[in-house]
Amino acid sequence: MRMTDASNFSSVDEPKHRRNWPPVGILQAPMVPPPLMDVFFWSLVATATLFVEVAVFTSRQEFARRTYALSGIAAIVGFGGPRALIPFLPQPSLGLPPLLARGLGGVVFIAGSGIIAWTLFRLRKGSNQRADETDEQRRPVIDDGLYGLVRHPMYLGDVLWALGLAIALNAAYAVALTPLWWALRASLALLEEERLIDKHGDAYRAYRDRVPNRILPVNTL
């Protein structure tokens, strides 16, 4: 697999309605089957993987811990991997000046990655605190920091890093797929909250009332 210069990318067999698209820098692998170089094939893989994650993590059936671990790994590889690959695949450019695209995309990417890192740190810290606390001291729901703005900050970060990478690479299809990633995460969050209500009851209902925003820090889904 080799990186090619976007200015050299062309195809005589490309449909006429696509020939005027300004191409982005792409990865070109002549021996790779065409579907594996297709944006929509990998978006389908990512979507299917998240549906598997939804089926496992929102099921009322209790699975073995290893099943949850494997599902989590599959979600990282099967949902995150394709979204990281998609901006490098053949597609039209956003048409942004390269410097602006890299700067703006870099800021969004770093913001998303930082949100994920903070969320993981806060969840780990909360887990350690609960292990040392008595039942009276233990808070059933984390509601400080970013959790005071949105109920699922990790999903917000997950959407932002993919959007940032797409903007940085001037990848139009990758940017256009952002509403799909957000809708999938919002659907997972909606189903996940049913389990959280089953587990924490009124404590989670009160948290949901205090923090009405699920993923985006605006009053929406």
N, C-alpha and C. Protein backbone atom coordinates (compact mmCIF):
# COMPACT_ATOMS: atom_id res chain seq x y z
N MET A 1 0.85 -1.19 0.00
CA MET A 1 0.00 0.00 0.00
C MET A 1 0.88 1.23 0.00
N ARG A 2 0.57 2.22 -0.85
CA ARG A 2 1.42 3.39 -0.92
C ARG A 2 0.57 4.64 -0.99
N MET A 3 1.12 5.73 -0.49
CA MET A 3 0.44 7.01 -0.54
C MET A 3 0.71 7.66 -1.89
N THR A 4 -0.34 8.12 -2.54
CA THR A 4 -0.17 8.78 -3.83
C THR A 4 -0.52 10.25 -3.70
N ASP A 5 0.01 11.03 -4.59
CA ASP A 5 -0.29 12.45 -4.64
C ASP A 5 -1.68 12.63 -5.22
N ALA A 6 -2.50 13.44 -4.56
CA ALA A 6 -3.88 13.63 -5.01
C ALA A 6 -3.93 14.17 -6.43
N SER A 7 -2.93 14.96 -6.81
CA SER A 7 -2.96 15.55 -8.15
C SER A 7 -2.78 14.52 -9.25
N ASN A 8 -2.26 13.31 -8.90
CA ASN A 8 -2.05 12.28 -9.91
C ASN A 8 -3.21 11.30 -9.98
N PHE A 9 -4.22 11.50 -9.10
CA PHE A 9 -5.33 10.55 -9.05
C PHE A 9 -6.34 10.85 -10.14
N SER A 10 -6.56 9.90 -11.01
CA SER A 10 -7.58 10.05 -12.05
C SER A 10 -7.96 8.67 -12.53
N SER A 11 -9.08 8.60 -13.19
CA SER A 11 -9.53 7.32 -13.72
C SER A 11 -10.33 7.55 -14.98
N VAL A 12 -9.92 6.92 -16.09
CA VAL A 12 -10.63 7.12 -17.35
C VAL A 12 -11.99 6.46 -17.30
N ASP A 13 -12.15 5.50 -16.40
CA ASP A 13 -13.43 4.81 -16.31
C ASP A 13 -14.36 5.47 -15.31
N GLU A 14 -13.93 6.53 -14.67
CA GLU A 14 -14.75 7.17 -13.67
C GLU A 14 -15.96 7.83 -14.33
N PRO A 15 -17.16 7.71 -13.74
CA PRO A 15 -18.35 8.33 -14.32
C PRO A 15 -18.16 9.83 -14.52
N LYS A 16 -18.81 10.35 -15.57
CA LYS A 16 -18.65 11.75 -15.92
C LYS A 16 -19.05 12.67 -14.78
N HIS A 17 -20.13 12.30 -14.02
CA HIS A 17 -20.59 13.21 -12.98
C HIS A 17 -19.63 13.27 -11.81
N ARG A 18 -18.57 12.41 -11.80
CA ARG A 18 -17.61 12.43 -10.70
C ARG A 18 -16.26 13.00 -11.12
N ARG A 19 -16.04 13.21 -12.43
CA ARG A 19 -14.72 13.59 -12.89
C ARG A 19 -14.32 15.00 -12.47
N ASN A 20 -15.30 15.85 -12.19
CA ASN A 20 -14.99 17.21 -11.82
C ASN A 20 -14.79 17.39 -10.32
N TRP A 21 -14.95 16.32 -9.56
CA TRP A 21 -14.72 16.42 -8.12
C TRP A 21 -13.23 16.63 -7.87
N PRO A 22 -12.88 17.60 -7.04
CA PRO A 22 -11.46 17.72 -6.67
C PRO A 22 -11.10 16.59 -5.72
N PRO A 23 -10.21 15.66 -6.11
CA PRO A 23 -9.95 14.50 -5.27
C PRO A 23 -9.09 14.86 -4.06
N VAL A 24 -9.26 14.08 -3.00
CA VAL A 24 -8.44 14.25 -1.81
C VAL A 24 -7.26 13.30 -1.89
N GLY A 25 -6.25 13.52 -1.02
CA GLY A 25 -5.14 12.60 -0.93
C GLY A 25 -5.65 11.24 -0.48
N ILE A 26 -5.26 10.16 -1.16
CA ILE A 26 -5.84 8.85 -0.87
C ILE A 26 -4.76 7.80 -0.72
N LEU A 27 -5.17 6.69 -0.15
CA LEU A 27 -4.36 5.48 -0.15
C LEU A 27 -4.77 4.66 -1.35
N GLN A 28 -3.84 4.25 -2.17
CA GLN A 28 -4.16 3.48 -3.36
C GLN A 28 -3.47 2.12 -3.24
N ALA A 29 -4.25 1.05 -3.39
CA ALA A 29 -3.71 -0.31 -3.33
C ALA A 29 -4.28 -1.08 -4.51
N PRO A 30 -3.56 -1.14 -5.65
CA PRO A 30 -4.10 -1.73 -6.88
C PRO A 30 -4.56 -3.18 -6.73
N MET A 31 -3.94 -3.94 -5.83
CA MET A 31 -4.27 -5.35 -5.70
C MET A 31 -5.42 -5.60 -4.72
N VAL A 32 -5.89 -4.55 -4.07
CA VAL A 32 -6.99 -4.71 -3.11
C VAL A 32 -8.32 -4.74 -3.85
N PRO A 33 -9.22 -5.68 -3.51
CA PRO A 33 -10.54 -5.72 -4.16
C PRO A 33 -11.25 -4.38 -4.02
N PRO A 34 -11.95 -3.92 -5.07
CA PRO A 34 -12.59 -2.60 -5.05
C PRO A 34 -13.47 -2.33 -3.83
N PRO A 35 -14.27 -3.31 -3.35
CA PRO A 35 -15.11 -2.99 -2.18
C PRO A 35 -14.32 -2.51 -0.97
N LEU A 36 -13.08 -3.01 -0.83
CA LEU A 36 -12.27 -2.62 0.33
C LEU A 36 -11.73 -1.21 0.22
N MET A 37 -11.88 -0.59 -0.95
CA MET A 37 -11.48 0.80 -1.14
C MET A 37 -12.70 1.70 -1.25
N ASP A 38 -13.85 1.18 -0.86
CA ASP A 38 -15.11 1.92 -1.00
C ASP A 38 -15.57 2.47 0.34
N VAL A 39 -15.88 3.75 0.37
CA VAL A 39 -16.32 4.42 1.60
C VAL A 39 -17.56 3.75 2.18
N PHE A 40 -18.50 3.41 1.32
CA PHE A 40 -19.78 2.94 1.82
C PHE A 40 -19.72 1.49 2.30
N PHE A 41 -18.77 0.72 1.78
CA PHE A 41 -18.55 -0.62 2.32
C PHE A 41 -18.10 -0.53 3.77
N TRP A 42 -17.15 0.35 4.06
CA TRP A 42 -16.64 0.47 5.43
C TRP A 42 -17.63 1.15 6.35
N SER A 43 -18.47 2.01 5.82
CA SER A 43 -19.52 2.59 6.66
C SER A 43 -20.55 1.52 7.05
N LEU A 44 -20.79 0.57 6.14
CA LEU A 44 -21.68 -0.55 6.45
C LEU A 44 -21.06 -1.44 7.53
N VAL A 45 -19.75 -1.69 7.42
CA VAL A 45 -19.06 -2.49 8.44
C VAL A 45 -19.18 -1.83 9.81
N ALA A 46 -18.93 -0.52 9.85
CA ALA A 46 -19.02 0.20 11.12
C ALA A 46 -20.43 0.14 11.70
N THR A 47 -21.43 0.33 10.84
CA THR A 47 -22.82 0.31 11.30
C THR A 47 -23.20 -1.07 11.83
N ALA A 48 -22.83 -2.12 11.10
CA ALA A 48 -23.16 -3.48 11.53
C ALA A 48 -22.49 -3.82 12.85
N THR A 49 -21.25 -3.36 13.03
CA THR A 49 -20.53 -3.63 14.27
C THR A 49 -21.22 -2.97 15.45
N LEU A 50 -21.70 -1.75 15.25
CA LEU A 50 -22.37 -1.07 16.36
C LEU A 50 -23.68 -1.75 16.71
N PHE A 51 -24.37 -2.31 15.72
CA PHE A 51 -25.59 -3.04 16.02
C PHE A 51 -25.30 -4.26 16.90
N VAL A 52 -24.17 -4.91 16.66
CA VAL A 52 -23.77 -6.03 17.51
C VAL A 52 -23.52 -5.54 18.93
N GLU A 53 -22.83 -4.41 19.04
CA GLU A 53 -22.57 -3.83 20.37
C GLU A 53 -23.89 -3.50 21.07
N VAL A 54 -24.83 -2.94 20.33
CA VAL A 54 -26.14 -2.62 20.90
C VAL A 54 -26.82 -3.88 21.42
N ALA A 55 -26.77 -4.94 20.61
CA ALA A 55 -27.43 -6.20 21.00
C ALA A 55 -26.87 -6.77 22.29
N VAL A 56 -25.55 -6.65 22.47
CA VAL A 56 -24.92 -7.22 23.67
C VAL A 56 -25.11 -6.33 24.89
N PHE A 57 -24.78 -5.05 24.74
CA PHE A 57 -24.75 -4.17 25.90
C PHE A 57 -26.12 -3.71 26.35
N THR A 58 -27.13 -3.81 25.53
CA THR A 58 -28.47 -3.40 25.95
C THR A 58 -29.38 -4.59 26.23
N SER A 59 -28.87 -5.79 26.05
CA SER A 59 -29.68 -6.97 26.33
C SER A 59 -29.93 -7.09 27.83
N ARG A 60 -31.09 -7.54 28.18
CA ARG A 60 -31.40 -7.78 29.60
C ARG A 60 -30.81 -9.10 30.08
N GLN A 61 -30.30 -9.87 29.15
CA GLN A 61 -29.62 -11.11 29.53
C GLN A 61 -28.22 -10.78 30.03
N GLU A 62 -27.79 -11.45 31.09
CA GLU A 62 -26.46 -11.24 31.63
C GLU A 62 -25.49 -12.19 30.94
N PHE A 63 -24.46 -11.62 30.30
CA PHE A 63 -23.46 -12.42 29.63
C PHE A 63 -22.22 -12.55 30.51
N ALA A 64 -21.35 -13.46 30.14
CA ALA A 64 -20.07 -13.60 30.84
C ALA A 64 -19.24 -12.35 30.62
N ARG A 65 -18.37 -12.04 31.59
CA ARG A 65 -17.55 -10.84 31.48
C ARG A 65 -16.72 -10.84 30.21
N ARG A 66 -16.26 -12.02 29.80
CA ARG A 66 -15.45 -12.11 28.59
C ARG A 66 -16.24 -11.69 27.36
N THR A 67 -17.53 -11.98 27.35
CA THR A 67 -18.37 -11.58 26.22
C THR A 67 -18.43 -10.07 26.11
N TYR A 68 -18.59 -9.39 27.25
CA TYR A 68 -18.62 -7.93 27.22
C TYR A 68 -17.26 -7.37 26.79
N ALA A 69 -16.18 -7.99 27.26
CA ALA A 69 -14.84 -7.52 26.88
C ALA A 69 -14.61 -7.67 25.38
N LEU A 70 -14.99 -8.83 24.84
CA LEU A 70 -14.81 -9.06 23.41
C LEU A 70 -15.70 -8.13 22.59
N SER A 71 -16.89 -7.85 23.08
CA SER A 71 -17.78 -6.93 22.38
C SER A 71 -17.20 -5.52 22.37
N GLY A 72 -16.60 -5.14 23.50
CA GLY A 72 -15.97 -3.83 23.56
C GLY A 72 -14.81 -3.71 22.60
N ILE A 73 -13.98 -4.75 22.53
CA ILE A 73 -12.85 -4.75 21.60
C ILE A 73 -13.35 -4.70 20.15
N ALA A 74 -14.40 -5.49 19.87
CA ALA A 74 -14.97 -5.49 18.52
C ALA A 74 -15.51 -4.12 18.15
N ALA A 75 -16.09 -3.43 19.13
CA ALA A 75 -16.62 -2.09 18.87
C ALA A 75 -15.50 -1.12 18.53
N ILE A 76 -14.38 -1.23 19.27
CA ILE A 76 -13.25 -0.34 19.01
C ILE A 76 -12.67 -0.59 17.63
N VAL A 77 -12.48 -1.89 17.31
CA VAL A 77 -11.87 -2.24 16.02
C VAL A 77 -12.86 -2.09 14.87
N GLY A 78 -14.06 -2.63 15.05
CA GLY A 78 -15.03 -2.67 13.96
C GLY A 78 -15.81 -1.40 13.74
N PHE A 79 -15.90 -0.55 14.77
CA PHE A 79 -16.61 0.72 14.60
C PHE A 79 -15.62 1.88 14.47
N GLY A 80 -14.58 1.86 15.28
CA GLY A 80 -13.60 2.93 15.20
C GLY A 80 -12.67 2.79 14.01
N GLY A 81 -12.24 1.56 13.73
CA GLY A 81 -11.30 1.33 12.64
C GLY A 81 -11.79 1.82 11.29
N PRO A 82 -12.98 1.39 10.85
CA PRO A 82 -13.47 1.88 9.56
C PRO A 82 -13.62 3.39 9.49
N ARG A 83 -14.02 4.00 10.58
CA ARG A 83 -14.18 5.46 10.56
C ARG A 83 -12.84 6.18 10.46
N ALA A 84 -11.80 5.54 11.01
CA ALA A 84 -10.46 6.12 10.87
C ALA A 84 -9.93 5.92 9.44
N LEU A 85 -10.35 4.85 8.78
CA LEU A 85 -9.90 4.55 7.43
C LEU A 85 -10.62 5.37 6.37
N ILE A 86 -11.91 5.59 6.56
CA ILE A 86 -12.76 6.21 5.53
C ILE A 86 -12.21 7.52 4.97
N PRO A 87 -11.69 8.44 5.79
CA PRO A 87 -11.21 9.70 5.21
C PRO A 87 -10.04 9.55 4.24
N PHE A 88 -9.34 8.40 4.28
CA PHE A 88 -8.20 8.17 3.40
C PHE A 88 -8.61 7.55 2.06
N LEU A 89 -9.87 7.15 1.94
CA LEU A 89 -10.33 6.45 0.74
C LEU A 89 -10.74 7.44 -0.35
N PRO A 90 -10.81 6.97 -1.63
CA PRO A 90 -11.18 7.86 -2.74
C PRO A 90 -12.55 8.49 -2.52
N GLN A 91 -12.63 9.80 -2.62
CA GLN A 91 -13.87 10.54 -2.42
C GLN A 91 -13.63 12.00 -2.79
N PRO A 92 -14.69 12.77 -3.00
CA PRO A 92 -14.49 14.20 -3.32
C PRO A 92 -13.95 14.96 -2.12
N SER A 93 -13.32 16.07 -2.44
CA SER A 93 -12.75 16.94 -1.41
C SER A 93 -13.79 17.94 -0.92
N LEU A 94 -13.62 18.39 0.31
CA LEU A 94 -14.47 19.47 0.83
C LEU A 94 -14.16 20.79 0.14
N GLY A 95 -12.96 20.88 -0.41
CA GLY A 95 -12.55 22.11 -1.08
C GLY A 95 -12.00 23.17 -0.16
N LEU A 96 -11.72 22.81 1.09
CA LEU A 96 -11.13 23.77 2.02
C LEU A 96 -9.65 23.95 1.72
N PRO A 97 -9.11 25.14 1.95
CA PRO A 97 -7.66 25.31 1.84
C PRO A 97 -6.97 24.32 2.78
N PRO A 98 -5.91 23.66 2.34
CA PRO A 98 -5.28 22.63 3.17
C PRO A 98 -4.93 23.08 4.57
N LEU A 99 -4.40 24.28 4.71
CA LEU A 99 -4.00 24.77 6.03
C LEU A 99 -5.21 24.93 6.94
N LEU A 100 -6.30 25.47 6.39
CA LEU A 100 -7.52 25.63 7.17
C LEU A 100 -8.09 24.27 7.55
N ALA A 101 -8.10 23.34 6.60
CA ALA A 101 -8.64 22.00 6.87
C ALA A 101 -7.86 21.32 7.99
N ARG A 102 -6.54 21.37 7.91
CA ARG A 102 -5.71 20.71 8.93
C ARG A 102 -5.87 21.38 10.29
N GLY A 103 -5.92 22.71 10.29
CA GLY A 103 -6.06 23.43 11.55
C GLY A 103 -7.40 23.18 12.22
N LEU A 104 -8.48 23.37 11.45
CA LEU A 104 -9.82 23.17 11.99
C LEU A 104 -10.04 21.71 12.37
N GLY A 105 -9.67 20.80 11.46
CA GLY A 105 -9.83 19.38 11.75
C GLY A 105 -9.01 18.94 12.93
N GLY A 106 -7.78 19.47 13.04
CA GLY A 106 -6.93 19.11 14.16
C GLY A 106 -7.53 19.53 15.49
N VAL A 107 -8.11 20.71 15.55
CA VAL A 107 -8.74 21.19 16.79
C VAL A 107 -9.90 20.28 17.18
N VAL A 108 -10.75 19.94 16.21
CA VAL A 108 -11.91 19.08 16.49
C VAL A 108 -11.45 17.68 16.90
N PHE A 109 -10.43 17.16 16.21
CA PHE A 109 -9.90 15.83 16.53
C PHE A 109 -9.33 15.79 17.94
N ILE A 110 -8.55 16.79 18.30
CA ILE A 110 -7.95 16.84 19.64
C ILE A 110 -9.03 17.00 20.70
N ALA A 111 -10.05 17.81 20.40
CA ALA A 111 -11.14 17.98 21.36
C ALA A 111 -11.85 16.66 21.61
N GLY A 112 -12.16 15.93 20.53
CA GLY A 112 -12.83 14.65 20.69
C GLY A 112 -11.99 13.64 21.44
N SER A 113 -10.71 13.56 21.08
CA SER A 113 -9.82 12.62 21.76
C SER A 113 -9.66 12.99 23.23
N GLY A 114 -9.58 14.29 23.51
CA GLY A 114 -9.45 14.73 24.89
C GLY A 114 -10.68 14.40 25.72
N ILE A 115 -11.85 14.54 25.13
CA ILE A 115 -13.09 14.20 25.84
C ILE A 115 -13.12 12.72 26.17
N ILE A 116 -12.73 11.88 25.22
CA ILE A 116 -12.69 10.44 25.48
C ILE A 116 -11.71 10.12 26.59
N ALA A 117 -10.52 10.73 26.53
CA ALA A 117 -9.50 10.47 27.55
C ALA A 117 -9.98 10.90 28.93
N TRP A 118 -10.61 12.08 29.02
CA TRP A 118 -11.12 12.55 30.31
C TRP A 118 -12.21 11.62 30.83
N THR A 119 -13.09 11.18 29.93
CA THR A 119 -14.19 10.30 30.35
C THR A 119 -13.66 8.99 30.89
N LEU A 120 -12.70 8.40 30.21
CA LEU A 120 -12.11 7.15 30.69
C LEU A 120 -11.44 7.34 32.05
N PHE A 121 -10.73 8.46 32.20
CA PHE A 121 -10.08 8.76 33.48
C PHE A 121 -11.12 8.92 34.58
N ARG A 122 -12.19 9.65 34.27
CA ARG A 122 -13.23 9.90 35.29
C ARG A 122 -13.96 8.62 35.67
N LEU A 123 -14.23 7.77 34.71
CA LEU A 123 -14.90 6.50 35.01
C LEU A 123 -14.01 5.61 35.87
N ARG A 124 -12.72 5.58 35.54
CA ARG A 124 -11.79 4.77 36.33
C ARG A 124 -11.67 5.32 37.75
N LYS A 125 -11.58 6.63 37.86
CA LYS A 125 -11.49 7.27 39.17
C LYS A 125 -12.75 7.00 39.98
N GLY A 126 -13.90 7.10 39.32
CA GLY A 126 -15.16 6.84 40.01
C GLY A 126 -15.26 5.40 40.48
N SER A 127 -14.77 4.48 39.65
CA SER A 127 -14.80 3.07 40.04
C SER A 127 -13.91 2.82 41.25
N ASN A 128 -12.74 3.44 41.30
CA ASN A 128 -11.83 3.28 42.43
C ASN A 128 -12.41 3.90 43.69
N GLN A 129 -13.07 5.07 43.53
CA GLN A 129 -13.68 5.72 44.68
C GLN A 129 -14.80 4.88 45.27
N ARG A 130 -15.63 4.30 44.41
CA ARG A 130 -16.75 3.50 44.90
C ARG A 130 -16.26 2.27 45.66
N ALA A 131 -15.12 1.74 45.24
CA ALA A 131 -14.60 0.56 45.92
C ALA A 131 -14.17 0.89 47.35
N ASP A 132 -13.79 2.17 47.63
CA ASP A 132 -13.32 2.57 48.94
C ASP A 132 -14.41 3.20 49.80
N GLU A 133 -15.58 3.41 49.24
CA GLU A 133 -16.64 4.11 49.97
C GLU A 133 -17.64 3.13 50.56
N THR A 134 -18.32 3.61 51.58
CA THR A 134 -19.42 2.83 52.15
C THR A 134 -20.66 3.03 51.29
N ASP A 135 -21.68 2.22 51.54
CA ASP A 135 -22.92 2.36 50.78
C ASP A 135 -23.53 3.74 50.94
N GLU A 136 -23.38 4.35 52.12
CA GLU A 136 -23.96 5.67 52.36
C GLU A 136 -23.20 6.76 51.60
N GLN A 137 -21.88 6.57 51.45
CA GLN A 137 -21.07 7.57 50.76
C GLN A 137 -21.11 7.44 49.24
N ARG A 138 -21.43 6.26 48.77
CA ARG A 138 -21.31 5.97 47.34
C ARG A 138 -22.39 6.69 46.53
N ARG A 139 -21.96 7.41 45.47
CA ARG A 139 -22.89 8.04 44.55
C ARG A 139 -23.17 7.09 43.39
N PRO A 140 -24.43 6.77 43.13
CA PRO A 140 -24.73 5.80 42.07
C PRO A 140 -24.47 6.33 40.67
N VAL A 141 -24.47 7.66 40.50
CA VAL A 141 -24.33 8.25 39.16
C VAL A 141 -23.27 9.35 39.20
N ILE A 142 -22.33 9.33 38.26
CA ILE A 142 -21.35 10.39 38.12
C ILE A 142 -22.02 11.57 37.44
N ASP A 143 -21.96 12.75 38.07
CA ASP A 143 -22.66 13.90 37.50
C ASP A 143 -21.81 15.18 37.53
N ASP A 144 -20.49 15.03 37.66
CA ASP A 144 -19.65 16.22 37.67
C ASP A 144 -18.89 16.34 36.35
N GLY A 145 -18.15 17.47 36.20
CA GLY A 145 -17.38 17.67 34.98
C GLY A 145 -18.25 17.65 33.73
N LEU A 146 -17.78 16.95 32.71
CA LEU A 146 -18.53 16.85 31.46
C LEU A 146 -19.86 16.14 31.65
N TYR A 147 -19.93 15.28 32.66
CA TYR A 147 -21.19 14.59 32.94
C TYR A 147 -22.26 15.55 33.44
N GLY A 148 -21.86 16.78 33.78
CA GLY A 148 -22.85 17.79 34.12
C GLY A 148 -23.36 18.55 32.92
N LEU A 149 -22.74 18.32 31.76
CA LEU A 149 -23.18 18.96 30.52
C LEU A 149 -23.96 18.01 29.63
N VAL A 150 -23.45 16.79 29.48
CA VAL A 150 -24.13 15.76 28.69
C VAL A 150 -24.04 14.44 29.45
N ARG A 151 -24.99 13.57 29.20
CA ARG A 151 -25.03 12.31 29.94
C ARG A 151 -24.07 11.27 29.36
N HIS A 152 -23.66 11.46 28.10
CA HIS A 152 -22.76 10.49 27.46
C HIS A 152 -21.61 11.24 26.78
N PRO A 153 -20.71 11.82 27.56
CA PRO A 153 -19.62 12.59 26.96
C PRO A 153 -18.68 11.74 26.09
N MET A 154 -18.53 10.44 26.41
CA MET A 154 -17.65 9.62 25.59
C MET A 154 -18.17 9.51 24.17
N TYR A 155 -19.49 9.43 24.02
CA TYR A 155 -20.06 9.35 22.68
C TYR A 155 -19.88 10.67 21.93
N LEU A 156 -19.93 11.78 22.65
CA LEU A 156 -19.66 13.07 22.03
C LEU A 156 -18.23 13.09 21.49
N GLY A 157 -17.26 12.67 22.32
CA GLY A 157 -15.88 12.62 21.87
C GLY A 157 -15.68 11.68 20.71
N ASP A 158 -16.44 10.57 20.71
CA ASP A 158 -16.32 9.58 19.65
C ASP A 158 -16.78 10.15 18.31
N VAL A 159 -17.80 10.97 18.33
CA VAL A 159 -18.26 11.61 17.09
C VAL A 159 -17.28 12.69 16.64
N LEU A 160 -16.73 13.43 17.60
CA LEU A 160 -15.88 14.57 17.25
C LEU A 160 -14.54 14.16 16.65
N TRP A 161 -13.91 13.09 17.19
CA TRP A 161 -12.59 12.75 16.63
C TRP A 161 -12.71 12.32 15.17
N ALA A 162 -13.78 11.57 14.85
CA ALA A 162 -13.97 11.13 13.47
C ALA A 162 -14.26 12.32 12.55
N LEU A 163 -15.04 13.27 13.05
CA LEU A 163 -15.31 14.48 12.25
C LEU A 163 -14.04 15.29 12.05
N GLY A 164 -13.25 15.41 13.10
CA GLY A 164 -12.01 16.17 12.99
C GLY A 164 -11.05 15.57 11.98
N LEU A 165 -10.91 14.24 12.00
CA LEU A 165 -10.03 13.58 11.04
C LEU A 165 -10.53 13.80 9.62
N ALA A 166 -11.84 13.71 9.43
CA ALA A 166 -12.41 13.91 8.09
C ALA A 166 -12.17 15.32 7.58
N ILE A 167 -12.33 16.31 8.45
CA ILE A 167 -12.09 17.69 8.03
C ILE A 167 -10.61 17.90 7.72
N ALA A 168 -9.74 17.37 8.57
CA ALA A 168 -8.30 17.56 8.37
C ALA A 168 -7.84 16.99 7.04
N LEU A 169 -8.48 15.92 6.58
CA LEU A 169 -8.11 15.29 5.31
C LEU A 169 -8.98 15.76 4.15
N ASN A 170 -9.84 16.76 4.42
CA ASN A 170 -10.66 17.35 3.37
C ASN A 170 -11.58 16.31 2.71
N ALA A 171 -12.02 15.33 3.48
CA ALA A 171 -12.77 14.19 2.94
C ALA A 171 -14.28 14.44 3.05
N ALA A 172 -14.91 14.70 1.91
CA ALA A 172 -16.32 15.11 1.92
C ALA A 172 -17.25 14.00 2.39
N TYR A 173 -17.07 12.76 1.89
CA TYR A 173 -17.95 11.68 2.30
C TYR A 173 -17.81 11.40 3.79
N ALA A 174 -16.58 11.45 4.29
CA ALA A 174 -16.35 11.18 5.71
C ALA A 174 -17.07 12.20 6.58
N VAL A 175 -17.07 13.46 6.15
CA VAL A 175 -17.79 14.49 6.89
C VAL A 175 -19.30 14.25 6.78
N ALA A 176 -19.76 13.89 5.59
CA ALA A 176 -21.19 13.67 5.37
C ALA A 176 -21.74 12.51 6.19
N LEU A 177 -20.87 11.57 6.58
CA LEU A 177 -21.30 10.42 7.37
C LEU A 177 -21.43 10.75 8.86
N THR A 178 -21.00 11.93 9.28
CA THR A 178 -21.04 12.29 10.69
C THR A 178 -22.44 12.19 11.30
N PRO A 179 -23.50 12.66 10.63
CA PRO A 179 -24.84 12.49 11.22
C PRO A 179 -25.21 11.03 11.46
N LEU A 180 -24.72 10.12 10.61
CA LEU A 180 -24.98 8.70 10.82
C LEU A 180 -24.30 8.22 12.09
N TRP A 181 -23.02 8.59 12.28
CA TRP A 181 -22.32 8.16 13.50
C TRP A 181 -23.00 8.71 14.75
N TRP A 182 -23.44 9.97 14.66
CA TRP A 182 -24.14 10.56 15.80
C TRP A 182 -25.46 9.84 16.06
N ALA A 183 -26.22 9.55 15.01
CA ALA A 183 -27.51 8.87 15.18
C ALA A 183 -27.32 7.48 15.78
N LEU A 184 -26.28 6.77 15.35
CA LEU A 184 -26.03 5.44 15.90
C LEU A 184 -25.67 5.52 17.38
N ARG A 185 -24.81 6.48 17.73
CA ARG A 185 -24.45 6.64 19.14
C ARG A 185 -25.65 7.09 19.97
N ALA A 186 -26.48 7.96 19.40
CA ALA A 186 -27.68 8.41 20.13
C ALA A 186 -28.63 7.24 20.36
N SER A 187 -28.77 6.36 19.38
CA SER A 187 -29.64 5.19 19.54
C SER A 187 -29.10 4.26 20.61
N LEU A 188 -27.78 4.05 20.60
CA LEU A 188 -27.17 3.21 21.63
C LEU A 188 -27.36 3.83 23.01
N ALA A 189 -27.18 5.14 23.12
CA ALA A 189 -27.35 5.82 24.40
C ALA A 189 -28.77 5.68 24.91
N LEU A 190 -29.74 5.80 24.01
CA LEU A 190 -31.15 5.69 24.38
C LEU A 190 -31.45 4.32 24.97
N LEU A 191 -30.94 3.27 24.32
CA LEU A 191 -31.17 1.92 24.81
C LEU A 191 -30.36 1.65 26.09
N GLU A 192 -29.17 2.20 26.14
CA GLU A 192 -28.32 2.01 27.32
C GLU A 192 -28.97 2.62 28.56
N GLU A 193 -29.64 3.74 28.38
CA GLU A 193 -30.25 4.41 29.53
C GLU A 193 -31.39 3.61 30.13
N GLU A 194 -32.02 2.76 29.33
CA GLU A 194 -33.04 1.89 29.89
C GLU A 194 -32.44 0.95 30.93
N ARG A 195 -31.25 0.43 30.65
CA ARG A 195 -30.57 -0.43 31.61
C ARG A 195 -30.11 0.36 32.82
N LEU A 196 -29.67 1.59 32.59
CA LEU A 196 -29.22 2.41 33.71
C LEU A 196 -30.37 2.75 34.65
N ILE A 197 -31.55 2.95 34.09
CA ILE A 197 -32.72 3.20 34.92
C ILE A 197 -33.09 1.93 35.70
N ASP A 198 -33.00 0.78 35.03
CA ASP A 198 -33.26 -0.48 35.73
C ASP A 198 -32.29 -0.67 36.89
N LYS A 199 -31.04 -0.25 36.68
CA LYS A 199 -30.00 -0.47 37.69
C LYS A 199 -30.05 0.56 38.81
N HIS A 200 -30.22 1.85 38.45
CA HIS A 200 -30.11 2.91 39.45
C HIS A 200 -31.44 3.54 39.82
N GLY A 201 -32.49 3.25 39.06
CA GLY A 201 -33.82 3.72 39.42
C GLY A 201 -33.95 5.23 39.47
N ASP A 202 -34.49 5.75 40.58
CA ASP A 202 -34.78 7.17 40.71
C ASP A 202 -33.52 8.03 40.65
N ALA A 203 -32.38 7.49 41.06
CA ALA A 203 -31.13 8.26 41.02
C ALA A 203 -30.79 8.65 39.58
N TYR A 204 -30.98 7.72 38.66
CA TYR A 204 -30.67 8.05 37.27
C TYR A 204 -31.75 8.93 36.67
N ARG A 205 -33.00 8.72 37.05
CA ARG A 205 -34.07 9.59 36.56
C ARG A 205 -33.83 11.03 36.99
N ALA A 206 -33.39 11.22 38.23
CA ALA A 206 -33.09 12.57 38.72
C ALA A 206 -31.92 13.17 37.95
N TYR A 207 -30.91 12.36 37.66
CA TYR A 207 -29.76 12.83 36.88
C TYR A 207 -30.20 13.22 35.48
N ARG A 208 -31.06 12.43 34.89
CA ARG A 208 -31.57 12.73 33.54
C ARG A 208 -32.35 14.04 33.53
N ASP A 209 -33.06 14.32 34.60
CA ASP A 209 -33.80 15.58 34.69
C ASP A 209 -32.86 16.76 34.86
N ARG A 210 -31.78 16.57 35.62
CA ARG A 210 -30.82 17.65 35.84
C ARG A 210 -30.00 17.94 34.59
N VAL A 211 -29.69 16.88 33.84
CA VAL A 211 -28.86 17.01 32.62
C VAL A 211 -29.68 16.49 31.44
N PRO A 212 -30.45 17.34 30.80
CA PRO A 212 -31.35 16.87 29.73
C PRO A 212 -30.64 16.51 28.43
N ASN A 213 -29.39 16.94 28.26
CA ASN A 213 -28.68 16.71 27.00
C ASN A 213 -28.00 15.35 27.01
N ARG A 214 -28.34 14.54 26.00
CA ARG A 214 -27.82 13.16 25.97
C ARG A 214 -26.38 13.11 25.45
N ILE A 215 -26.13 13.65 24.27
CA ILE A 215 -24.78 13.59 23.68
C ILE A 215 -24.28 15.00 23.35
N LEU A 216 -25.08 15.77 22.66
CA LEU A 216 -24.68 17.13 22.30
C LEU A 216 -25.04 18.09 23.43
N PRO A 217 -24.20 19.09 23.70
CA PRO A 217 -24.48 20.04 24.79
C PRO A 217 -25.53 21.07 24.40
N VAL A 218 -26.56 20.61 23.70
CA VAL A 218 -27.71 21.44 23.34
C VAL A 218 -28.95 20.59 23.59
N ASN A 219 -30.07 21.23 23.67
CA ASN A 219 -31.30 20.52 24.01
C ASN A 219 -31.82 19.77 22.79
N THR A 220 -31.28 18.55 22.60
CA THR A 220 -31.68 17.71 21.47
C THR A 220 -31.62 16.28 21.92
N LEU A 221 -31.54 15.31 20.96
CA LEU A 221 -31.51 13.91 21.31
C LEU A 221 -30.27 13.57 22.12
